[in-house]
PDB file of N, CA and C in Angstrom:
ATOM      1  N   MET A   1      -7.393   9.353  10.478  1.00  0.00           N
ATOM      2  CA  MET A   1      -8.323   8.345   9.154  1.00  0.00           C
ATOM      3  C   MET A   1      -7.269   6.704   9.357  1.00  0.00           C
ATOM      4  N   ARG A   2      -8.468   5.759   8.546  1.00  0.00           N
ATOM      5  CA  ARG A   2      -7.890   4.371   8.194  1.00  0.00           C
ATOM      6  C   ARG A   2      -7.779   4.833   6.376  1.00  0.00           C
ATOM      7  N   ILE A   3      -6.504   3.749   6.083  1.00  0.00           N
ATOM      8  CA  ILE A   3      -6.206   4.231   4.063  1.00  0.00           C
ATOM      9  C   ILE A   3      -5.880   2.438   4.488  1.00  0.00           C
ATOM     10  N   ALA A   4      -6.632   1.478   3.300  1.00  0.00           N
ATOM     11  CA  ALA A   4      -6.163   0.730   2.936  1.00  0.00           C
ATOM     12  C   ALA A   4      -5.158   0.977   1.588  1.00  0.00           C
ATOM     13  N   MET A   5      -4.118   0.154   1.645  1.00  0.00           N
ATOM     14  CA  MET A   5      -3.492   0.621  -0.143  1.00  0.00           C
ATOM     15  C   MET A   5      -2.982  -0.782  -0.244  1.00  0.00           C
ATOM     16  N   ILE A   6      -3.761  -0.718  -1.650  1.00  0.00           N
ATOM     17  CA  ILE A   6      -3.674  -2.485  -3.033  1.00  0.00           C
ATOM     18  C   ILE A   6      -2.250  -2.107  -3.382  1.00  0.00           C
ATOM     19  N   GLY A   7      -1.507  -3.045  -2.697  1.00  0.00           N
ATOM     20  CA  GLY A   7      -0.337  -3.760  -3.611  1.00  0.00           C
ATOM     21  C   GLY A   7       0.860  -2.545  -2.496  1.00  0.00           C
ATOM     22  N   THR A   8       1.785  -2.784  -2.347  1.00  0.00           N
ATOM     23  CA  THR A   8       2.994  -2.958  -1.615  1.00  0.00           C
ATOM     24  C   THR A   8       4.769  -3.099  -2.726  1.00  0.00           C
ATOM     25  N   GLY A   9       4.382  -2.690  -3.874  1.00  0.00           N
ATOM     26  CA  GLY A   9       5.881  -2.418  -4.895  1.00  0.00           C
ATOM     27  C   GLY A   9       5.805  -1.070  -4.221  1.00  0.00           C
ATOM     28  N   TYR A  10       6.099  -0.568  -5.596  1.00  0.00           N
ATOM     29  CA  TYR A  10       7.198   0.914  -5.319  1.00  0.00           C
ATOM     30  C   TYR A  10       5.834   2.014  -4.797  1.00  0.00           C
ATOM     31  N   VAL A  11       5.193   2.236  -5.619  1.00  0.00           N
ATOM     32  CA  VAL A  11       4.197   3.202  -5.285  1.00  0.00           C
ATOM     33  C   VAL A  11       3.233   2.399  -3.959  1.00  0.00           C
ATOM     34  N   GLY A  12       2.659   1.461  -3.686  1.00  0.00           N
ATOM     35  CA  GLY A  12       2.039   1.189  -2.443  1.00  0.00           C
ATOM     36  C   GLY A  12       2.506   0.905  -1.601  1.00  0.00           C
ATOM     37  N   LEU A  13       4.103   0.706  -1.148  1.00  0.00           N
ATOM     38  CA  LEU A  13       4.610   0.741  -0.466  1.00  0.00           C
ATOM     39  C   LEU A  13       4.866   1.772   0.500  1.00  0.00           C
ATOM     40  N   VAL A  14       5.821   2.681  -0.134  1.00  0.00           N
ATOM     41  CA  VAL A  14       6.008   3.414  -0.288  1.00  0.00           C
ATOM     42  C   VAL A  14       5.243   4.907   0.075  1.00  0.00           C
ATOM     43  N   SER A  15       4.023   4.946  -0.758  1.00  0.00           N
ATOM     44  CA  SER A  15       2.503   5.342  -0.379  1.00  0.00           C
ATOM     45  C   SER A  15       2.273   5.342   1.141  1.00  0.00           C
ATOM     46  N   GLY A  16       1.943   3.958   0.811  1.00  0.00           N
ATOM     47  CA  GLY A  16       1.312   3.938   2.897  1.00  0.00           C
ATOM     48  C   GLY A  16       2.375   4.080   3.669  1.00  0.00           C
ATOM     49  N   ALA A  17       3.850   3.744   4.270  1.00  0.00           N
ATOM     50  CA  ALA A  17       4.425   4.109   4.519  1.00  0.00           C
ATOM     51  C   ALA A  17       4.871   5.767   5.216  1.00  0.00           C
ATOM     52  N   CYS A  18       4.745   6.434   3.755  1.00  0.00           N
ATOM     53  CA  CYS A  18       4.336   7.939   4.081  1.00  0.00           C
ATOM     54  C   CYS A  18       3.105   8.565   4.853  1.00  0.00           C
ATOM     55  N   PHE A  19       2.190   7.690   4.464  1.00  0.00           N
ATOM     56  CA  PHE A  19       0.489   8.253   4.932  1.00  0.00           C
ATOM     57  C   PHE A  19       0.743   7.817   6.394  1.00  0.00           C
ATOM     58  N   ALA A  20       1.133   6.772   6.990  1.00  0.00           N
ATOM     59  CA  ALA A  20       1.852   6.751   8.454  1.00  0.00           C
ATOM     60  C   ALA A  20       2.445   7.130   8.319  1.00  0.00           C
ATOM     61  N   ASP A  21       3.762   7.557   8.362  1.00  0.00           N
ATOM     62  CA  ASP A  21       4.580   8.700   9.011  1.00  0.00           C
ATOM     63  C   ASP A  21       3.685   9.545   8.896  1.00  0.00           C
ATOM     64  N   PHE A  22       3.154  10.156   8.707  1.00  0.00           N
ATOM     65  CA  PHE A  22       1.075  11.136   8.073  1.00  0.00           C
ATOM     66  C   PHE A  22       0.534  11.296   9.778  1.00  0.00           C
ATOM     67  N   GLY A  23       0.770   9.896  10.403  1.00  0.00           N
ATOM     68  CA  GLY A  23      -0.613   9.874  11.392  1.00  0.00           C
ATOM     69  C   GLY A  23      -1.650   8.872  11.026  1.00  0.00           C
ATOM     70  N   HIS A  24      -1.244   8.518  10.030  1.00  0.00           N
ATOM     71  CA  HIS A  24      -2.463   8.185   9.474  1.00  0.00           C
ATOM     72  C   HIS A  24      -2.403   6.181   9.445  1.00  0.00           C
ATOM     73  N   ASP A  25      -3.782   5.623   9.940  1.00  0.00           N
ATOM     74  CA  ASP A  25      -3.537   3.846   9.981  1.00  0.00           C
ATOM     75  C   ASP A  25      -3.968   3.650   8.770  1.00  0.00           C
ATOM     76  N   VAL A  26      -2.360   2.410   8.527  1.00  0.00           N
ATOM     77  CA  VAL A  26      -2.532   1.828   7.021  1.00  0.00           C
ATOM     78  C   VAL A  26      -2.481   0.536   6.921  1.00  0.00           C
ATOM     79  N   THR A  27      -2.915  -0.155   6.189  1.00  0.00           N
ATOM     80  CA  THR A  27      -2.935  -1.507   5.684  1.00  0.00           C
ATOM     81  C   THR A  27      -3.153  -1.143   4.008  1.00  0.00           C
ATOM     82  N   CYS A  28      -1.266  -1.970   4.521  1.00  0.00           N
ATOM     83  CA  CYS A  28      -1.220  -2.397   2.873  1.00  0.00           C
ATOM     84  C   CYS A  28      -1.172  -3.504   3.096  1.00  0.00           C
ATOM     85  N   ILE A  29      -1.868  -3.815   1.629  1.00  0.00           N
ATOM     86  CA  ILE A  29      -2.703  -5.246   1.125  1.00  0.00           C
ATOM     87  C   ILE A  29      -2.064  -5.861  -0.324  1.00  0.00           C
ATOM     88  N   ASP A  30      -1.621  -7.021  -0.762  1.00  0.00           N
ATOM     89  CA  ASP A  30      -0.587  -7.922  -1.680  1.00  0.00           C
ATOM     90  C   ASP A  30      -1.063  -8.982  -1.203  1.00  0.00           C
ATOM     91  N   LYS A  31      -1.565  -9.987  -2.836  1.00  0.00           N
ATOM     92  CA  LYS A  31      -2.337 -11.063  -2.563  1.00  0.00           C
ATOM     93  C   LYS A  31      -0.444 -11.948  -3.201  1.00  0.00           C
ATOM     94  N   ASP A  32       0.820 -11.171  -2.585  1.00  0.00           N
ATOM     95  CA  ASP A  32       1.601 -12.555  -2.549  1.00  0.00           C
ATOM     96  C   ASP A  32       1.909 -12.740  -1.552  1.00  0.00           C
ATOM     97  N   GLU A  33       1.444 -13.637  -0.963  1.00  0.00           N
ATOM     98  CA  GLU A  33       1.743 -14.628   1.070  1.00  0.00           C
ATOM     99  C   GLU A  33       3.774 -13.348   1.118  1.00  0.00           C
ATOM    100  N   LYS A  34       4.301 -14.625  -0.018  1.00  0.00           N
ATOM    101  CA  LYS A  34       5.890 -13.907  -0.023  1.00  0.00           C
ATOM    102  C   LYS A  34       6.106 -12.531   0.159  1.00  0.00           C
ATOM    103  N   LYS A  35       5.773 -11.613  -0.231  1.00  0.00           N
ATOM    104  CA  LYS A  35       6.520  -9.829   0.047  1.00  0.00           C
ATOM    105  C   LYS A  35       5.453  -9.680   0.861  1.00  0.00           C
ATOM    106  N   ILE A  36       4.534 -10.519   1.267  1.00  0.00           N
ATOM    107  CA  ILE A  36       3.508  -9.741   3.057  1.00  0.00           C
ATOM    108  C   ILE A  36       4.394 -10.748   3.987  1.00  0.00           C
ATOM    109  N   ALA A  37       4.608 -11.648   3.985  1.00  0.00           N
ATOM    110  CA  ALA A  37       5.750 -12.309   4.968  1.00  0.00           C
ATOM    111  C   ALA A  37       6.925 -11.758   5.336  1.00  0.00           C
ATOM    112  N   ALA A  38       8.289 -11.351   3.574  1.00  0.00           N
ATOM    113  CA  ALA A  38       8.918 -10.764   4.565  1.00  0.00           C
ATOM    114  C   ALA A  38       8.980  -9.294   4.379  1.00  0.00           C
ATOM    115  N   LEU A  39       8.286  -8.656   4.800  1.00  0.00           N
ATOM    116  CA  LEU A  39       7.698  -7.082   5.082  1.00  0.00           C
ATOM    117  C   LEU A  39       7.364  -7.527   6.398  1.00  0.00           C
ATOM    118  N   HIS A  40       6.818  -8.341   6.988  1.00  0.00           N
ATOM    119  CA  HIS A  40       6.517  -8.974   8.651  1.00  0.00           C
ATOM    120  C   HIS A  40       7.587  -8.593   9.072  1.00  0.00           C
ATOM    121  N   ARG A  41       8.987  -9.860   8.861  1.00  0.00           N
ATOM    122  CA  ARG A  41      10.002  -9.747   8.808  1.00  0.00           C
ATOM    123  C   ARG A  41      10.915  -9.145   8.517  1.00  0.00           C
ATOM    124  N   SER A  42      10.052  -7.656   8.313  1.00  0.00           N
ATOM    125  CA  SER A  42      10.751  -6.109   8.369  1.00  0.00           C
ATOM    126  C   SER A  42      12.058  -6.211   6.575  1.00  0.00           C
ATOM    127  N   GLU A  43      11.985  -7.162   6.316  1.00  0.00           N
ATOM    128  CA  GLU A  43      12.510  -6.971   5.039  1.00  0.00           C
ATOM    129  C   GLU A  43      11.499  -6.441   3.770  1.00  0.00           C
ATOM    130  N   ILE A  44      12.564  -5.563   3.631  1.00  0.00           N
ATOM    131  CA  ILE A  44      11.760  -4.049   2.372  1.00  0.00           C
ATOM    132  C   ILE A  44      12.485  -4.635   0.837  1.00  0.00           C
ATOM    133  N   LEU A  45      11.522  -5.448  -0.013  1.00  0.00           N
ATOM    134  CA  LEU A  45      11.899  -6.066  -1.093  1.00  0.00           C
ATOM    135  C   LEU A  45      12.672  -5.224  -2.195  1.00  0.00           C
ATOM    136  N   ILE A  46      12.306  -4.248  -1.776  1.00  0.00           N
ATOM    137  CA  ILE A  46      12.135  -2.230  -2.461  1.00  0.00           C
ATOM    138  C   ILE A  46      13.252  -1.581  -2.375  1.00  0.00           C
ATOM    139  N   TYR A  47      14.105  -0.798  -3.614  1.00  0.00           N
ATOM    140  CA  TYR A  47      14.686   0.233  -2.897  1.00  0.00           C
ATOM    141  C   TYR A  47      14.544   1.524  -3.455  1.00  0.00           C
ATOM    142  N   GLU A  48      14.242   2.283  -1.661  1.00  0.00           N
ATOM    143  CA  GLU A  48      13.588   3.264  -2.218  1.00  0.00           C
ATOM    144  C   GLU A  48      14.517   3.696  -0.103  1.00  0.00           C
ATOM    145  N   PRO A  49      16.049   5.212  -0.726  1.00  0.00           N
ATOM    146  CA  PRO A  49      16.146   5.841   0.274  1.00  0.00           C
ATOM    147  C   PRO A  49      15.720   6.173   1.545  1.00  0.00           C
ATOM    148  N   GLY A  50      15.812   5.552   2.427  1.00  0.00           N
ATOM    149  CA  GLY A  50      15.129   5.637   3.287  1.00  0.00           C
ATOM    150  C   GLY A  50      13.958   4.709   4.278  1.00  0.00           C
ATOM    151  N   LEU A  51      13.177   3.949   3.094  1.00  0.00           N
ATOM    152  CA  LEU A  51      12.053   3.518   3.122  1.00  0.00           C
ATOM    153  C   LEU A  51      12.277   2.375   4.167  1.00  0.00           C
ATOM    154  N   ASP A  52      13.416   1.442   4.009  1.00  0.00           N
ATOM    155  CA  ASP A  52      13.526   0.748   5.641  1.00  0.00           C
ATOM    156  C   ASP A  52      13.417   1.478   6.653  1.00  0.00           C
ATOM    157  N   GLU A  53      13.523   2.386   6.895  1.00  0.00           N
ATOM    158  CA  GLU A  53      13.373   2.958   8.358  1.00  0.00           C
ATOM    159  C   GLU A  53      11.888   3.289   7.975  1.00  0.00           C
ATOM    160  N   LEU A  54      11.657   3.925   7.486  1.00  0.00           N
ATOM    161  CA  LEU A  54      10.402   4.802   7.742  1.00  0.00           C
ATOM    162  C   LEU A  54       9.095   3.585   8.331  1.00  0.00           C
ATOM    163  N   VAL A  55       9.449   2.913   7.398  1.00  0.00           N
ATOM    164  CA  VAL A  55       8.787   1.453   7.265  1.00  0.00           C
ATOM    165  C   VAL A  55       8.728   1.043   8.540  1.00  0.00           C
ATOM    166  N   ALA A  56       9.665   0.528   9.027  1.00  0.00           N
ATOM    167  CA  ALA A  56       9.914   0.236  11.082  1.00  0.00           C
ATOM    168  C   ALA A  56      10.183   1.058  11.881  1.00  0.00           C
ATOM    169  N   THR A  57       9.443   2.666  11.906  1.00  0.00           N
ATOM    170  CA  THR A  57       8.883   3.184  12.299  1.00  0.00           C
ATOM    171  C   THR A  57       7.922   3.801  12.935  1.00  0.00           C
ATOM    172  N   ASN A  58       7.155   2.835  11.641  1.00  0.00           N
ATOM    173  CA  ASN A  58       5.811   3.222  11.236  1.00  0.00           C
ATOM    174  C   ASN A  58       4.822   1.579  11.670  1.00  0.00           C
ATOM    175  N   VAL A  59       5.554   0.657  11.936  1.00  0.00           N
ATOM    176  CA  VAL A  59       5.686  -0.212  11.781  1.00  0.00           C
ATOM    177  C   VAL A  59       5.331   0.029  13.546  1.00  0.00           C
ATOM    178  N   LYS A  60       6.209  -0.494  14.170  1.00  0.00           N
ATOM    179  CA  LYS A  60       6.709  -0.258  15.359  1.00  0.00           C
ATOM    180  C   LYS A  60       5.617   0.253  16.119  1.00  0.00           C
ATOM    181  N   ALA A  61       5.021   1.737  15.236  1.00  0.00           N
ATOM    182  CA  ALA A  61       4.344   3.003  16.232  1.00  0.00           C
ATOM    183  C   ALA A  61       2.683   2.203  15.879  1.00  0.00           C
ATOM    184  N   LYS A  62       2.518   0.961  15.559  1.00  0.00           N
ATOM    185  CA  LYS A  62       1.369   0.283  14.983  1.00  0.00           C
ATOM    186  C   LYS A  62       0.009   1.347  14.049  1.00  0.00           C
ATOM    187  N   ARG A  63       1.161   2.125  13.178  1.00  0.00           N
ATOM    188  CA  ARG A  63       0.223   3.105  12.024  1.00  0.00           C
ATOM    189  C   ARG A  63      -0.181   1.997  11.062  1.00  0.00           C
ATOM    190  N   LEU A  64       1.282   1.235  10.606  1.00  0.00           N
ATOM    191  CA  LEU A  64       1.382   0.005   9.606  1.00  0.00           C
ATOM    192  C   LEU A  64       1.711  -0.456   9.592  1.00  0.00           C
ATOM    193  N   ASP A  65       0.412  -1.903   8.738  1.00  0.00           N
ATOM    194  CA  ASP A  65       0.342  -3.412   8.984  1.00  0.00           C
ATOM    195  C   ASP A  65       0.660  -3.918   7.715  1.00  0.00           C
ATOM    196  N   PHE A  66       0.814  -4.484   7.716  1.00  0.00           N
ATOM    197  CA  PHE A  66       0.166  -6.250   6.011  1.00  0.00           C
ATOM    198  C   PHE A  66      -0.338  -6.940   6.190  1.00  0.00           C
ATOM    199  N   THR A  67      -1.121  -7.214   5.194  1.00  0.00           N
ATOM    200  CA  THR A  67      -1.958  -8.403   5.113  1.00  0.00           C
ATOM    201  C   THR A  67      -2.613  -8.840   3.281  1.00  0.00           C
ATOM    202  N   THR A  68      -2.134  -9.862   3.791  1.00  0.00           N
ATOM    203  CA  THR A  68      -3.117 -10.787   1.486  1.00  0.00           C
ATOM    204  C   THR A  68      -4.907 -10.671   1.718  1.00  0.00           C
ATOM    205  N   ASP A  69      -5.019 -10.213   3.014  1.00  0.00           N
ATOM    206  CA  ASP A  69      -6.035 -10.538   3.513  1.00  0.00           C
ATOM    207  C   ASP A  69      -7.757  -9.141   3.226  1.00  0.00           C
ATOM    208  N   LEU A  70      -8.199  -8.889   1.653  1.00  0.00           N
ATOM    209  CA  LEU A  70      -8.753  -7.753   1.817  1.00  0.00           C
ATOM    210  C   LEU A  70     -10.028  -7.242   2.601  1.00  0.00           C
ATOM    211  N   SER A  71     -10.745  -8.074   2.848  1.00  0.00           N
ATOM    212  CA  SER A  71     -11.475  -7.932   3.621  1.00  0.00           C
ATOM    213  C   SER A  71     -11.750  -7.459   4.584  1.00  0.00           C
ATOM    214  N   LYS A  72     -10.539  -7.409   6.007  1.00  0.00           N
ATOM    215  CA  LYS A  72     -10.898  -6.355   6.909  1.00  0.00           C
ATOM    216  C   LYS A  72     -11.012  -5.261   6.658  1.00  0.00           C
ATOM    217  N   PRO A  73      -9.685  -4.625   6.371  1.00  0.00           N
ATOM    218  CA  PRO A  73      -9.466  -3.446   5.718  1.00  0.00           C
ATOM    219  C   PRO A  73     -11.073  -2.621   5.175  1.00  0.00           C
ATOM    220  N   VAL A  74     -11.768  -3.401   3.646  1.00  0.00           N
ATOM    221  CA  VAL A  74     -12.775  -2.377   3.461  1.00  0.00           C
ATOM    222  C   VAL A  74     -13.806  -3.156   3.990  1.00  0.00           C
ATOM    223  N   THR A  75     -14.236  -4.479   5.029  1.00  0.00           N
ATOM    224  CA  THR A  75     -15.151  -3.930   6.293  1.00  0.00           C
ATOM    225  C   THR A  75     -15.111  -3.396   7.545  1.00  0.00           C
ATOM    226  N   ASP A  76     -14.121  -2.554   7.230  1.00  0.00           N
ATOM    227  CA  ASP A  76     -13.749  -1.617   8.380  1.00  0.00           C
ATOM    228  C   ASP A  76     -13.288  -0.423   7.976  1.00  0.00           C
ATOM    229  N   ALA A  77     -14.458   0.074   5.896  1.00  0.00           N
ATOM    230  CA  ALA A  77     -13.794   1.010   5.335  1.00  0.00           C
ATOM    231  C   ALA A  77     -15.149   2.233   6.427  1.00  0.00           C
ATOM    232  N   VAL A  78     -15.043   3.177   6.229  1.00  0.00           N
ATOM    233  CA  VAL A  78     -16.001   4.290   6.170  1.00  0.00           C
ATOM    234  C   VAL A  78     -16.237   5.552   6.037  1.00  0.00           C
ATOM    235  N   PHE A  79     -17.968   4.831   4.949  1.00  0.00           N
ATOM    236  CA  PHE A  79     -18.264   6.059   4.026  1.00  0.00           C
ATOM    237  C   PHE A  79     -17.781   7.220   4.906  1.00  0.00           C
ATOM    238  N   ILE A  80     -17.373   8.177   3.904  1.00  0.00           N
ATOM    239  CA  ILE A  80     -17.511   9.535   3.632  1.00  0.00           C
ATOM    240  C   ILE A  80     -18.247  10.343   3.042  1.00  0.00           C
ATOM    241  N   GLY A  81     -18.923   9.999   2.085  1.00  0.00           N
ATOM    242  CA  GLY A  81     -19.078  10.802   0.957  1.00  0.00           C
ATOM    243  C   GLY A  81     -18.345  11.132  -0.245  1.00  0.00           C
ATOM    244  N   PRO A  82     -18.702  11.788  -1.303  1.00  0.00           N
ATOM    245  CA  PRO A  82     -18.606  11.556  -2.945  1.00  0.00           C
ATOM    246  C   PRO A  82     -16.975  11.917  -2.306  1.00  0.00           C
ATOM    247  N   GLY A  83     -16.193  12.240  -3.735  1.00  0.00           N
ATOM    248  CA  GLY A  83     -15.075  11.966  -3.696  1.00  0.00           C
ATOM    249  C   GLY A  83     -14.164  11.823  -2.655  1.00  0.00           C
ATOM    250  N   ALA A  84     -14.534  11.224  -1.625  1.00  0.00           N
ATOM    251  CA  ALA A  84     -12.992  10.588  -0.387  1.00  0.00           C
ATOM    252  C   ALA A  84     -12.529   9.197  -0.540  1.00  0.00           C
ATOM    253  N   ALA A  85     -12.478   8.907  -1.979  1.00  0.00           N
ATOM    254  CA  ALA A  85     -11.222   7.812  -2.290  1.00  0.00           C
ATOM    255  C   ALA A  85     -10.340   8.471  -3.073  1.00  0.00           C
ATOM    256  N   ILE A  86      -9.429   8.063  -2.569  1.00  0.00           N
ATOM    257  CA  ILE A  86      -8.375   8.163  -3.393  1.00  0.00           C
ATOM    258  C   ILE A  86      -7.660   6.699  -4.151  1.00  0.00           C
ATOM    259  N   ILE A  87      -7.425   6.864  -5.806  1.00  0.00           N
ATOM    260  CA  ILE A  87      -6.720   5.150  -5.929  1.00  0.00           C
ATOM    261  C   ILE A  87      -5.673   6.022  -6.871  1.00  0.00           C
ATOM    262  N   SER A  88      -4.978   5.521  -6.434  1.00  0.00           N
ATOM    263  CA  SER A  88      -3.784   5.336  -7.651  1.00  0.00           C
ATOM    264  C   SER A  88      -2.863   4.044  -7.895  1.00  0.00           C
ATOM    265  N   ARG A  89      -3.134   4.530  -9.386  1.00  0.00           N
ATOM    266  CA  ARG A  89      -2.607   3.566 -10.385  1.00  0.00           C
ATOM    267  C   ARG A  89      -1.562   3.385 -10.906  1.00  0.00           C
ATOM    268  N   SER A  90      -0.420   2.591 -10.703  1.00  0.00           N
ATOM    269  CA  SER A  90       0.958   3.071 -10.837  1.00  0.00           C
ATOM    270  C   SER A  90       1.348   1.816 -12.113  1.00  0.00           C
ATOM    271  N   THR A  91       0.990   0.507 -11.385  1.00  0.00           N
ATOM    272  CA  THR A  91       1.689  -0.749 -13.470  1.00  0.00           C
ATOM    273  C   THR A  91       0.218  -0.375 -14.298  1.00  0.00           C
ATOM    274  N   MET A  92       1.495   0.680 -15.402  1.00  0.00           N
ATOM    275  CA  MET A  92       0.401  -0.011 -16.424  1.00  0.00           C
ATOM    276  C   MET A  92       0.470  -0.774 -17.072  1.00  0.00           C
ATOM    277  N   ALA A  93      -1.271  -1.269 -17.748  1.00  0.00           N
ATOM    278  CA  ALA A  93      -1.532  -2.084 -18.542  1.00  0.00           C
ATOM    279  C   ALA A  93      -0.486  -1.777 -20.101  1.00  0.00           C
ATOM    280  N   ARG A  94      -0.087  -2.593 -20.388  1.00  0.00           N
ATOM    281  CA  ARG A  94       1.111  -2.967 -21.458  1.00  0.00           C
ATOM    282  C   ARG A  94      -0.200  -2.623 -23.078  1.00  0.00           C
ATOM    283  N   VAL A  95       0.068  -1.409 -23.437  1.00  0.00           N
ATOM    284  CA  VAL A  95      -0.625  -1.155 -24.639  1.00  0.00           C
ATOM    285  C   VAL A  95      -0.580  -1.819 -26.074  1.00  0.00           C
ATOM    286  N   THR A  96      -0.927  -2.488 -26.509  1.00  0.00           N
ATOM    287  CA  THR A  96      -0.506  -3.119 -27.502  1.00  0.00           C
ATOM    288  C   THR A  96      -0.969  -1.802 -29.149  1.00  0.00           C
ATOM    289  N   ARG A  97      -0.036  -1.792 -30.604  1.00  0.00           N
ATOM    290  CA  ARG A  97      -0.593  -0.725 -31.696  1.00  0.00           C
ATOM    291  C   ARG A  97      -2.518  -0.961 -31.415  1.00  0.00           C
ATOM    292  N   SER A  98      -2.492  -2.307 -31.706  1.00  0.00           N
ATOM    293  CA  SER A  98      -4.092  -2.600 -32.681  1.00  0.00           C
ATOM    294  C   SER A  98      -4.959  -1.927 -31.413  1.00  0.00           C
ATOM    295  N   SER A  99      -4.658  -1.835 -30.050  1.00  0.00           N
ATOM    296  CA  SER A  99      -5.754  -1.295 -29.198  1.00  0.00           C
ATOM    297  C   SER A  99      -5.864   0.117 -28.960  1.00  0.00           C
ATOM    298  N   ALA A 100      -4.133   0.913 -29.414  1.00  0.00           N
ATOM    299  CA  ALA A 100      -3.773   2.326 -29.128  1.00  0.00           C
ATOM    300  C   ALA A 100      -4.550   3.066 -30.292  1.00  0.00           C
ATOM    301  N   SER A 101      -5.304   4.094 -29.255  1.00  0.00           N
ATOM    302  CA  SER A 101      -5.760   5.023 -30.755  1.00  0.00           C
ATOM    303  C   SER A 101      -4.270   6.424 -30.230  1.00  0.00           C
ATOM    304  N   TRP A 102      -3.489   6.525 -31.204  1.00  0.00           N
ATOM    305  CA  TRP A 102      -2.326   7.286 -31.642  1.00  0.00           C
ATOM    306  C   TRP A 102      -3.009   8.229 -32.610  1.00  0.00           C
TER     307      TRP A 102
END
Protein backbone atom coordinates (compact mmCIF):
# COMPACT_ATOMS: atom_id res chain seq x y z
CA MET A 1 0.00 0.00 0.00
CA ARG A 2 1.18 3.55 -0.70
CA ILE A 3 0.75 5.95 2.20
CA ALA A 4 1.11 9.74 2.23
CA MET A 5 1.85 11.02 5.73
CA ILE A 6 1.36 14.75 6.11
CA GLY A 7 3.70 16.18 8.70
CA THR A 8 7.12 15.02 9.89
CA GLY A 9 6.78 15.72 13.60
CA TYR A 10 6.49 13.24 16.43
CA VAL A 11 3.38 11.54 15.06
CA GLY A 12 3.94 11.88 11.31
CA LEU A 13 7.57 10.80 11.15
CA VAL A 14 7.26 8.01 13.70
CA SER A 15 4.04 6.68 12.14
CA GLY A 16 5.46 6.96 8.63
CA ALA A 17 8.64 5.11 9.58
CA CYS A 18 6.61 2.37 11.30
CA PHE A 19 4.26 1.95 8.33
CA ALA A 20 7.32 1.70 6.07
CA ASP A 21 8.83 -0.89 8.39
CA PHE A 22 5.61 -2.91 8.03
CA GLY A 23 6.37 -3.01 4.28
CA HIS A 24 4.31 -0.10 2.96
CA ASP A 25 5.65 2.60 0.62
CA VAL A 26 5.44 5.85 2.58
CA THR A 27 5.99 9.44 1.51
CA CYS A 28 6.20 11.90 4.40
CA ILE A 29 5.23 15.42 3.35
CA ASP A 30 6.03 18.62 5.21
CA LYS A 31 5.82 22.28 4.18
CA ASP A 32 9.06 23.03 6.06
CA GLU A 33 11.80 22.71 3.44
CA LYS A 34 14.52 22.76 6.13
CA LYS A 35 13.01 19.71 7.87
CA ILE A 36 12.77 17.80 4.60
CA ALA A 37 16.35 18.74 3.66
CA ALA A 38 17.52 17.55 7.09
CA LEU A 39 15.67 14.24 6.67
CA HIS A 40 17.30 13.77 3.25
CA ARG A 41 20.66 14.20 5.05
CA SER A 42 19.57 11.53 7.57
CA GLU A 43 19.25 14.13 10.33
CA ILE A 44 16.35 13.31 12.64
CA LEU A 45 15.18 16.50 14.36
CA ILE A 46 13.11 14.81 17.07
CA TYR A 47 14.08 12.25 19.68
CA GLU A 48 12.39 8.89 19.76
CA PRO A 49 14.45 5.86 20.78
CA GLY A 50 15.46 3.85 17.69
CA LEU A 51 13.84 6.25 15.23
CA ASP A 52 17.08 7.16 13.48
CA GLU A 53 17.82 3.52 12.69
CA LEU A 54 14.20 2.83 11.67
CA VAL A 55 14.23 5.78 9.26
CA ALA A 56 17.65 4.90 7.83
CA THR A 57 16.69 1.26 7.27
CA ASN A 58 13.48 2.13 5.44
CA VAL A 59 15.00 4.95 3.37
CA LYS A 60 17.71 2.50 2.26
CA ALA A 61 15.02 -0.07 1.38
CA LYS A 62 13.24 2.67 -0.66
CA ARG A 63 10.04 2.31 1.36
CA LEU A 64 10.33 5.76 2.97
CA ASP A 65 10.77 9.11 1.25
CA PHE A 66 10.34 12.79 2.13
CA THR A 67 9.04 15.75 0.13
CA THR A 68 7.51 19.20 0.36
CA ASP A 69 5.41 18.54 -2.75
CA LEU A 70 1.92 17.33 -1.86
CA SER A 71 0.83 16.97 -5.50
CA LYS A 72 2.72 13.77 -6.43
CA PRO A 73 1.59 11.55 -3.52
CA VAL A 74 -1.98 12.80 -3.96
CA THR A 75 -1.87 12.35 -7.75
CA ASP A 76 -0.54 8.80 -7.33
CA ALA A 77 -3.18 7.91 -4.73
CA VAL A 78 -5.68 5.21 -5.55
CA PHE A 79 -9.22 5.54 -4.23
CA ILE A 80 -10.14 2.21 -2.68
CA GLY A 81 -13.56 3.00 -1.30
CA PRO A 82 -15.35 4.50 1.69
CA GLY A 83 -13.61 4.05 4.99
CA ALA A 84 -10.21 3.64 3.34
CA ALA A 85 -8.66 6.82 4.70
CA ILE A 86 -6.93 6.97 8.03
CA ILE A 87 -6.39 10.48 9.32
CA SER A 88 -4.36 11.20 12.41
CA ARG A 89 -3.81 14.65 13.84
CA SER A 90 -1.71 15.20 16.90
CA THR A 91 -1.28 18.96 16.99
CA MET A 92 -4.32 20.32 18.74
CA ALA A 93 -5.61 23.80 18.06
CA ARG A 94 -5.44 26.04 21.11
CA VAL A 95 -8.77 26.16 22.88
CA THR A 96 -9.73 29.44 24.51
CA ARG A 97 -12.32 29.84 27.23
CA SER A 98 -14.66 31.64 24.87
CA SER A 99 -14.58 28.82 22.31
CA ALA A 100 -14.65 25.90 24.72
CA SER A 101 -17.92 24.30 25.64
CA TRP A 102 -17.16 22.98 29.13
